[in-house]
Amino acid sequence: MAEALATYVSLDTERMPHEKLSDREYQTLCMLASVKTVSVYRARLLEKMKLANNAELRFYV
């Protein structure tokens, strides 16, 4: 049992850090990697929802 656990733990450390993320966490990472991407999506959200700013967006949520 101890050997199996040691093998499992060592395999986990061989993975790249981003491979440990959930799909949603990875999507967020990709968007955060580019401030411009976040800015574009925010602007689209505001426009499509006919909101003026982050405060109105937050109130909507």
Protein backbone atom coordinates (compact mmCIF):
# COMPACT_ATOMS: atom_id res chain seq x y z
CA MET A 1 0.00 0.00 0.00
CA ALA A 2 2.78 2.44 0.90
CA GLU A 3 4.55 1.72 -2.39
CA ALA A 4 1.38 2.38 -4.37
CA LEU A 5 0.87 5.68 -2.55
CA ALA A 6 4.48 6.70 -3.16
CA THR A 7 4.10 5.90 -6.86
CA TYR A 8 0.89 7.92 -7.08
CA VAL A 9 2.43 10.94 -5.35
CA SER A 10 5.54 10.86 -7.53
CA LEU A 11 3.42 10.68 -10.70
CA ASP A 12 1.45 13.72 -9.60
CA THR A 13 4.62 15.82 -9.24
CA GLU A 14 5.71 14.92 -12.78
CA ARG A 15 2.65 16.63 -14.23
CA MET A 16 2.85 20.25 -15.29
CA PRO A 17 1.20 22.58 -12.75
CA HIS A 18 -1.56 23.64 -15.16
CA GLU A 19 -2.51 19.98 -15.71
CA LYS A 20 -3.73 19.85 -12.11
CA LEU A 21 -6.39 22.50 -12.77
CA SER A 22 -10.04 21.82 -13.49
CA ASP A 23 -11.31 22.77 -16.96
CA ARG A 24 -12.87 25.96 -15.61
CA GLU A 25 -9.71 26.91 -13.70
CA TYR A 26 -7.67 26.40 -16.86
CA GLN A 27 -10.09 28.57 -18.88
CA THR A 28 -9.73 31.30 -16.27
CA LEU A 29 -5.94 31.00 -16.37
CA CYS A 30 -5.95 31.40 -20.14
CA MET A 31 -8.12 34.51 -19.95
CA LEU A 32 -6.07 36.03 -17.15
CA ALA A 33 -2.93 35.51 -19.17
CA SER A 34 -4.11 38.33 -21.41
CA VAL A 35 -5.46 41.54 -19.95
CA LYS A 36 -6.63 42.48 -23.40
CA THR A 37 -8.74 39.31 -23.64
CA VAL A 38 -10.47 40.05 -20.35
CA SER A 39 -11.05 43.64 -21.41
CA VAL A 40 -12.60 42.58 -24.72
CA TYR A 41 -14.94 40.03 -23.12
CA ARG A 42 -15.95 42.52 -20.41
CA ALA A 43 -16.79 45.14 -23.03
CA ARG A 44 -18.85 42.60 -25.00
CA LEU A 45 -20.74 41.58 -21.87
CA LEU A 46 -21.54 45.17 -20.99
CA GLU A 47 -22.67 45.94 -24.53
CA LYS A 48 -24.84 42.85 -24.98
CA MET A 49 -26.44 43.29 -21.57
CA LYS A 50 -26.85 47.04 -22.05
CA LEU A 51 -24.94 47.82 -18.86
CA ALA A 52 -22.70 50.82 -18.28
CA ASN A 53 -20.05 49.61 -15.86
CA ASN A 54 -18.76 46.91 -13.51
CA ALA A 55 -21.07 48.05 -10.72
CA GLU A 56 -24.14 47.44 -12.89
CA LEU A 57 -22.71 44.11 -14.01
CA ARG A 58 -22.10 43.07 -10.40
CA PHE A 59 -25.59 44.16 -9.38
CA TYR A 60 -27.03 42.04 -12.20
CA VAL A 61 -25.21 38.95 -10.96
